[in-house]
Amino acid sequence: IGSVVFPNADLKFFLHADLHIRQKRRIVDGERD
């Protein structure tokens, strides 16, 4: 989004987290991938 779709967006944020944390969140959301 911030790199291609709206490179001139008023505000741009990049969210990140450790792989283990992200995987745990997916499981809590009921998704396994």
All heavy atoms as atom14 arrays in JSON, in Angstrom:
{
  "sequence": "IGSVVFPNADLKFFLHADLHIRQKRRIVDGERD",
  "atom14_mask": [
    [1, 1, 1, 1, 1, 1, 1, 1, 0, 0, 0, 0, 0, 0],
    [1, 1, 1, 1, 0, 0, 0, 0, 0, 0, 0, 0, 0, 0],
    [1, 1, 1, 1, 1, 1, 0, 0, 0, 0, 0, 0, 0, 0],
    [1, 1, 1, 1, 1, 1, 1, 0, 0, 0, 0, 0, 0, 0],
    [1, 1, 1, 1, 1, 1, 1, 0, 0, 0, 0, 0, 0, 0],
    [1, 1, 1, 1, 1, 1, 1, 1, 1, 1, 1, 0, 0, 0],
    [1, 1, 1, 1, 1, 1, 1, 0, 0, 0, 0, 0, 0, 0],
    [1, 1, 1, 1, 1, 1, 1, 1, 0, 0, 0, 0, 0, 0],
    [1, 1, 1, 1, 1, 0, 0, 0, 0, 0, 0, 0, 0, 0],
    [1, 1, 1, 1, 1, 1, 1, 1, 0, 0, 0, 0, 0, 0],
    [1, 1, 1, 1, 1, 1, 1, 1, 0, 0, 0, 0, 0, 0],
    [1, 1, 1, 1, 1, 1, 1, 1, 1, 0, 0, 0, 0, 0],
    [1, 1, 1, 1, 1, 1, 1, 1, 1, 1, 1, 0, 0, 0],
    [1, 1, 1, 1, 1, 1, 1, 1, 1, 1, 1, 0, 0, 0],
    [1, 1, 1, 1, 1, 1, 1, 1, 0, 0, 0, 0, 0, 0],
    [1, 1, 1, 1, 1, 1, 1, 1, 1, 1, 0, 0, 0, 0],
    [1, 1, 1, 1, 1, 0, 0, 0, 0, 0, 0, 0, 0, 0],
    [1, 1, 1, 1, 1, 1, 1, 1, 0, 0, 0, 0, 0, 0],
    [1, 1, 1, 1, 1, 1, 1, 1, 0, 0, 0, 0, 0, 0],
    [1, 1, 1, 1, 1, 1, 1, 1, 1, 1, 0, 0, 0, 0],
    [1, 1, 1, 1, 1, 1, 1, 1, 0, 0, 0, 0, 0, 0],
    [1, 1, 1, 1, 1, 1, 1, 1, 1, 1, 1, 0, 0, 0],
    [1, 1, 1, 1, 1, 1, 1, 1, 1, 0, 0, 0, 0, 0],
    [1, 1, 1, 1, 1, 1, 1, 1, 1, 0, 0, 0, 0, 0],
    [1, 1, 1, 1, 1, 1, 1, 1, 1, 1, 1, 0, 0, 0],
    [1, 1, 1, 1, 1, 1, 1, 1, 1, 1, 1, 0, 0, 0],
    [1, 1, 1, 1, 1, 1, 1, 1, 0, 0, 0, 0, 0, 0],
    [1, 1, 1, 1, 1, 1, 1, 0, 0, 0, 0, 0, 0, 0],
    [1, 1, 1, 1, 1, 1, 1, 1, 0, 0, 0, 0, 0, 0],
    [1, 1, 1, 1, 0, 0, 0, 0, 0, 0, 0, 0, 0, 0],
    [1, 1, 1, 1, 1, 1, 1, 1, 1, 0, 0, 0, 0, 0],
    [1, 1, 1, 1, 1, 1, 1, 1, 1, 1, 1, 0, 0, 0],
    [1, 1, 1, 1, 1, 1, 1, 1, 0, 0, 0, 0, 0, 0]
  ],
  "atom14_positions": [
    [[0.82, -1.21, 0.0], [0.0, 0.0, 0.0], [0.86, 1.27, 0.0], [0.7, 2.14, -0.85], [-0.97, 0.02, 1.2], [-1.75, -1.3, 1.29], [-1.92, 1.21, 1.08], [-2.46, -1.68, 0.01], [0.0, 0.0, 0.0], [0.0, 0.0, 0.0], [0.0, 0.0, 0.0], [0.0, 0.0, 0.0], [0.0, 0.0, 0.0], [0.0, 0.0, 0.0]],
    [[1.76, 1.37, 0.95], [2.62, 2.55, 1.02], [3.7, 2.6, -0.03], [4.26, 3.66, -0.32], [0.0, 0.0, 0.0], [0.0, 0.0, 0.0], [0.0, 0.0, 0.0], [0.0, 0.0, 0.0], [0.0, 0.0, 0.0], [0.0, 0.0, 0.0], [0.0, 0.0, 0.0], [0.0, 0.0, 0.0], [0.0, 0.0, 0.0], [0.0, 0.0, 0.0]],
    [[4.01, 1.45, -0.63], [5.08, 1.4, -1.64], [4.56, 1.56, -3.06], [5.23, 2.15, -3.91], [5.86, 0.09, -1.51], [4.99, -1.03, -1.64], [0.0, 0.0, 0.0], [0.0, 0.0, 0.0], [0.0, 0.0, 0.0], [0.0, 0.0, 0.0], [0.0, 0.0, 0.0], [0.0, 0.0, 0.0], [0.0, 0.0, 0.0], [0.0, 0.0, 0.0]],
    [[3.36, 1.02, -3.34], [2.85, 1.0, -4.72], [1.49, 1.67, -4.86], [1.3, 2.56, -5.69], [2.76, -0.45, -5.25], [2.13, -0.48, -6.64], [4.14, -1.1, -5.28], [0.0, 0.0, 0.0], [0.0, 0.0, 0.0], [0.0, 0.0, 0.0], [0.0, 0.0, 0.0], [0.0, 0.0, 0.0], [0.0, 0.0, 0.0], [0.0, 0.0, 0.0]],
    [[0.52, 1.25, -4.07], [-0.85, 1.73, -4.26], [-0.98, 3.21, -3.89], [-1.5, 4.02, -4.67], [-1.85, 0.89, -3.44], [-3.29, 1.37, -3.71], [-1.73, -0.58, -3.8], [0.0, 0.0, 0.0], [0.0, 0.0, 0.0], [0.0, 0.0, 0.0], [0.0, 0.0, 0.0], [0.0, 0.0, 0.0], [0.0, 0.0, 0.0], [0.0, 0.0, 0.0]],
    [[-0.5, 3.58, -2.69], [-0.55, 4.97, -2.26], [0.82, 5.42, -1.73], [1.0, 5.65, -0.53], [-1.61, 5.17, -1.16], [-3.01, 4.92, -1.61], [-3.73, 3.84, -1.14], [-3.62, 5.77, -2.52], [-5.03, 3.6, -1.56], [-4.92, 5.55, -2.96], [-5.63, 4.46, -2.48], [0.0, 0.0, 0.0], [0.0, 0.0, 0.0], [0.0, 0.0, 0.0]],
    [[1.79, 5.57, -2.63], [3.13, 5.98, -2.19], [3.14, 7.39, -1.6], [4.06, 7.74, -0.86], [3.96, 5.91, -3.47], [2.97, 6.04, -4.58], [1.74, 5.34, -4.09], [0.0, 0.0, 0.0], [0.0, 0.0, 0.0], [0.0, 0.0, 0.0], [0.0, 0.0, 0.0], [0.0, 0.0, 0.0], [0.0, 0.0, 0.0], [0.0, 0.0, 0.0]],
    [[2.11, 8.2, -1.9], [2.01, 9.55, -1.36], [0.94, 9.66, -0.28], [0.37, 10.74, -0.06], [1.71, 10.55, -2.49], [2.83, 10.61, -3.51], [4.0, 10.65, -3.15], [2.48, 10.61, -4.78], [0.0, 0.0, 0.0], [0.0, 0.0, 0.0], [0.0, 0.0, 0.0], [0.0, 0.0, 0.0], [0.0, 0.0, 0.0], [0.0, 0.0, 0.0]],
    [[0.66, 8.55, 0.38], [-0.33, 8.55, 1.47], [0.07, 9.57, 2.53], [1.26, 9.86, 2.72], [-0.42, 7.16, 2.09], [0.0, 0.0, 0.0], [0.0, 0.0, 0.0], [0.0, 0.0, 0.0], [0.0, 0.0, 0.0], [0.0, 0.0, 0.0], [0.0, 0.0, 0.0], [0.0, 0.0, 0.0], [0.0, 0.0, 0.0], [0.0, 0.0, 0.0]],
    [[-0.91, 10.12, 3.22], [-0.62, 11.11, 4.26], [0.24, 10.51, 5.38], [1.12, 11.18, 5.92], [-1.93, 11.65, 4.84], [-2.74, 12.39, 3.8], [-2.33, 13.5, 3.4], [-3.77, 11.86, 3.37], [0.0, 0.0, 0.0], [0.0, 0.0, 0.0], [0.0, 0.0, 0.0], [0.0, 0.0, 0.0], [0.0, 0.0, 0.0], [0.0, 0.0, 0.0]],
    [[-0.05, 9.26, 5.71], [0.74, 8.55, 6.73], [0.94, 7.11, 6.28], [0.03, 6.49, 5.73], [0.03, 8.57, 8.08], [-0.07, 9.92, 8.8], [-1.03, 9.82, 9.99], [1.3, 10.41, 9.25], [0.0, 0.0, 0.0], [0.0, 0.0, 0.0], [0.0, 0.0, 0.0], [0.0, 0.0, 0.0], [0.0, 0.0, 0.0], [0.0, 0.0, 0.0]],
    [[2.13, 6.59, 6.54], [2.44, 5.21, 6.18], [3.05, 4.49, 7.38], [3.93, 5.03, 8.06], [3.42, 5.17, 4.99], [2.85, 5.78, 3.72], [3.73, 5.51, 2.51], [4.95, 6.39, 2.47], [5.7, 6.24, 1.2], [0.0, 0.0, 0.0], [0.0, 0.0, 0.0], [0.0, 0.0, 0.0], [0.0, 0.0, 0.0], [0.0, 0.0, 0.0]],
    [[2.58, 3.27, 7.62], [3.08, 2.47, 8.74], [3.39, 1.06, 8.25], [2.7, 0.53, 7.38], [2.06, 2.41, 9.87], [1.74, 3.76, 10.45], [0.68, 4.51, 9.96], [2.5, 4.28, 11.48], [0.39, 5.76, 10.47], [2.22, 5.54, 12.01], [1.16, 6.27, 11.5], [0.0, 0.0, 0.0], [0.0, 0.0, 0.0], [0.0, 0.0, 0.0]],
    [[4.42, 0.49, 8.84], [4.79, -0.9, 8.54], [4.79, -1.67, 9.85], [5.6, -1.41, 10.74], [6.17, -0.98, 7.88], [6.55, -2.36, 7.45], [6.03, -2.92, 6.29], [7.43, -3.13, 8.22], [6.38, -4.2, 5.88], [7.78, -4.41, 7.83], [7.25, -4.95, 6.66], [0.0, 0.0, 0.0], [0.0, 0.0, 0.0], [0.0, 0.0, 0.0]],
    [[3.84, -2.6, 9.98], [3.73, -3.39, 11.2], [4.48, -4.7, 11.06], [4.43, -5.34, 10.01], [2.25, -3.68, 11.51], [1.29, -2.48, 11.55], [-0.08, -2.93, 12.06], [1.84, -1.34, 12.39], [0.0, 0.0, 0.0], [0.0, 0.0, 0.0], [0.0, 0.0, 0.0], [0.0, 0.0, 0.0], [0.0, 0.0, 0.0], [0.0, 0.0, 0.0]],
    [[5.17, -5.09, 12.11], [5.92, -6.35, 12.08], [5.97, -6.96, 13.47], [5.73, -6.27, 14.48], [7.34, -6.13, 11.55], [8.16, -5.19, 12.4], [9.0, -5.63, 13.4], [8.26, -3.84, 12.4], [9.59, -4.59, 13.98], [9.15, -3.49, 13.39], [0.0, 0.0, 0.0], [0.0, 0.0, 0.0], [0.0, 0.0, 0.0], [0.0, 0.0, 0.0]],
    [[6.23, -8.24, 13.52], [6.35, -8.95, 14.79], [7.11, -10.24, 14.53], [7.19, -10.72, 13.39], [4.98, -9.22, 15.4], [0.0, 0.0, 0.0], [0.0, 0.0, 0.0], [0.0, 0.0, 0.0], [0.0, 0.0, 0.0], [0.0, 0.0, 0.0], [0.0, 0.0, 0.0], [0.0, 0.0, 0.0], [0.0, 0.0, 0.0], [0.0, 0.0, 0.0]],
    [[7.62, -10.81, 15.59], [8.33, -12.08, 15.5], [7.42, -13.16, 14.9], [6.21, -13.16, 15.14], [8.79, -12.5, 16.9], [9.5, -13.83, 16.93], [10.68, -13.88, 16.56], [8.84, -14.83, 17.29], [0.0, 0.0, 0.0], [0.0, 0.0, 0.0], [0.0, 0.0, 0.0], [0.0, 0.0, 0.0], [0.0, 0.0, 0.0], [0.0, 0.0, 0.0]],
    [[8.01, -14.05, 14.1], [7.26, -15.1, 13.43], [6.42, -15.92, 14.41], [5.25, -16.23, 14.15], [8.21, -16.01, 12.66], [7.57, -17.23, 11.98], [6.57, -16.79, 10.91], [8.66, -18.11, 11.35], [0.0, 0.0, 0.0], [0.0, 0.0, 0.0], [0.0, 0.0, 0.0], [0.0, 0.0, 0.0], [0.0, 0.0, 0.0], [0.0, 0.0, 0.0]],
    [[6.99, -16.26, 15.57], [6.28, -17.07, 16.56], [5.03, -16.35, 17.06], [3.96, -16.95, 17.21], [7.21, -17.39, 17.74], [6.53, -18.11, 18.87], [6.14, -19.42, 18.79], [6.14, -17.66, 20.11], [5.56, -19.77, 19.93], [5.55, -18.73, 20.73], [0.0, 0.0, 0.0], [0.0, 0.0, 0.0], [0.0, 0.0, 0.0], [0.0, 0.0, 0.0]],
    [[5.16, -15.06, 17.29], [4.02, -14.27, 17.76], [2.94, -14.21, 16.7], [1.74, -14.38, 16.99], [4.48, -12.84, 18.13], [5.39, -12.89, 19.37], [3.27, -11.93, 18.39], [6.01, -11.56, 19.72], [0.0, 0.0, 0.0], [0.0, 0.0, 0.0], [0.0, 0.0, 0.0], [0.0, 0.0, 0.0], [0.0, 0.0, 0.0], [0.0, 0.0, 0.0]],
    [[3.33, -13.99, 15.46], [2.36, -13.9, 14.38], [1.64, -15.23, 14.15], [0.43, -15.27, 13.91], [3.05, -13.43, 13.09], [3.53, -11.99, 13.18], [4.01, -11.45, 11.84], [5.25, -12.06, 11.41], [5.41, -12.68, 10.25], [4.4, -12.82, 9.4], [6.6, -13.18, 9.92], [0.0, 0.0, 0.0], [0.0, 0.0, 0.0], [0.0, 0.0, 0.0]],
    [[2.39, -16.33, 14.25], [1.78, -17.64, 14.09], [0.77, -17.92, 15.2], [-0.32, -18.45, 14.95], [2.88, -18.72, 14.1], [2.38, -20.11, 13.72], [2.04, -20.22, 12.25], [2.91, -20.08, 11.4], [0.78, -20.48, 11.93], [0.0, 0.0, 0.0], [0.0, 0.0, 0.0], [0.0, 0.0, 0.0], [0.0, 0.0, 0.0], [0.0, 0.0, 0.0]],
    [[1.1, -17.51, 16.41], [0.21, -17.71, 17.55], [-1.07, -16.92, 17.35], [-2.18, -17.41, 17.65], [0.92, -17.28, 18.84], [0.12, -17.55, 20.1], [0.93, -17.18, 21.35], [0.11, -17.45, 22.61], [0.91, -17.12, 23.83], [0.0, 0.0, 0.0], [0.0, 0.0, 0.0], [0.0, 0.0, 0.0], [0.0, 0.0, 0.0], [0.0, 0.0, 0.0]],
    [[-0.96, -15.71, 16.84], [-2.15, -14.88, 16.58], [-3.06, -15.55, 15.57], [-4.28, -15.53, 15.7], [-1.73, -13.51, 16.06], [-1.09, -12.59, 17.09], [-0.55, -11.35, 16.43], [0.04, -10.42, 17.38], [0.78, -9.37, 17.02], [1.01, -9.14, 15.74], [1.28, -8.57, 17.94], [0.0, 0.0, 0.0], [0.0, 0.0, 0.0], [0.0, 0.0, 0.0]],
    [[-2.48, -16.14, 14.55], [-3.29, -16.8, 13.51], [-4.07, -17.97, 14.09], [-5.23, -18.19, 13.75], [-2.38, -17.28, 12.38], [-1.6, -16.18, 11.68], [-2.48, -15.29, 10.84], [-2.79, -15.92, 9.57], [-3.49, -15.35, 8.61], [-3.98, -14.14, 8.78], [-3.72, -15.96, 7.47], [0.0, 0.0, 0.0], [0.0, 0.0, 0.0], [0.0, 0.0, 0.0]],
    [[-3.42, -18.7, 14.97], [-4.09, -19.85, 15.59], [-5.25, -19.37, 16.46], [-6.33, -19.96, 16.45], [-3.07, -20.67, 16.41], [-2.05, -21.32, 15.47], [-3.8, -21.73, 17.23], [-0.91, -22.03, 16.19], [0.0, 0.0, 0.0], [0.0, 0.0, 0.0], [0.0, 0.0, 0.0], [0.0, 0.0, 0.0], [0.0, 0.0, 0.0], [0.0, 0.0, 0.0]],
    [[-5.02, -18.29, 17.21], [-6.08, -17.73, 18.05], [-7.26, -17.29, 17.19], [-8.43, -17.43, 17.57], [-5.54, -16.53, 18.87], [-6.7, -15.78, 19.54], [-4.55, -17.01, 19.92], [0.0, 0.0, 0.0], [0.0, 0.0, 0.0], [0.0, 0.0, 0.0], [0.0, 0.0, 0.0], [0.0, 0.0, 0.0], [0.0, 0.0, 0.0], [0.0, 0.0, 0.0]],
    [[-6.96, -16.78, 15.99], [-8.01, -16.35, 15.05], [-8.67, -17.52, 14.34], [-9.58, -17.33, 13.52], [-7.43, -15.4, 14.0], [-7.06, -14.04, 14.59], [-7.59, -13.71, 15.66], [-6.25, -13.32, 13.98], [0.0, 0.0, 0.0], [0.0, 0.0, 0.0], [0.0, 0.0, 0.0], [0.0, 0.0, 0.0], [0.0, 0.0, 0.0], [0.0, 0.0, 0.0]],
    [[-8.19, -18.73, 14.62], [-8.78, -19.91, 14.01], [-8.24, -20.23, 12.63], [-8.85, -21.0, 11.87], [0.0, 0.0, 0.0], [0.0, 0.0, 0.0], [0.0, 0.0, 0.0], [0.0, 0.0, 0.0], [0.0, 0.0, 0.0], [0.0, 0.0, 0.0], [0.0, 0.0, 0.0], [0.0, 0.0, 0.0], [0.0, 0.0, 0.0], [0.0, 0.0, 0.0]],
    [[-7.09, -19.65, 12.27], [-6.5, -19.9, 10.96], [-5.17, -20.63, 11.12], [-4.36, -20.31, 11.98], [-6.27, -18.58, 10.21], [-7.55, -17.85, 9.87], [-7.33, -16.73, 8.88], [-6.68, -16.97, 7.84], [-7.8, -15.62, 9.13], [0.0, 0.0, 0.0], [0.0, 0.0, 0.0], [0.0, 0.0, 0.0], [0.0, 0.0, 0.0], [0.0, 0.0, 0.0]],
    [[-4.99, -21.61, 10.26], [-3.74, -22.36, 10.26], [-3.15, -22.33, 8.86], [-3.71, -22.89, 7.93], [-3.99, -23.81, 10.71], [-4.48, -23.93, 12.14], [-4.65, -25.37, 12.58], [-5.13, -25.45, 13.95], [-4.33, -25.43, 15.02], [-3.03, -25.35, 14.86], [-4.84, -25.51, 16.23], [0.0, 0.0, 0.0], [0.0, 0.0, 0.0], [0.0, 0.0, 0.0]],
    [[-2.05, -21.63, 8.73], [-1.37, -21.58, 7.45], [0.12, -21.4, 7.69], [0.56, -21.05, 8.78], [-1.92, -20.47, 6.55], [-1.9, -19.1, 7.22], [-1.68, -19.04, 8.44], [-2.11, -18.1, 6.53], [0.0, 0.0, 0.0], [0.0, 0.0, 0.0], [0.0, 0.0, 0.0], [0.0, 0.0, 0.0], [0.0, 0.0, 0.0], [0.0, 0.0, 0.0]]
  ]
}
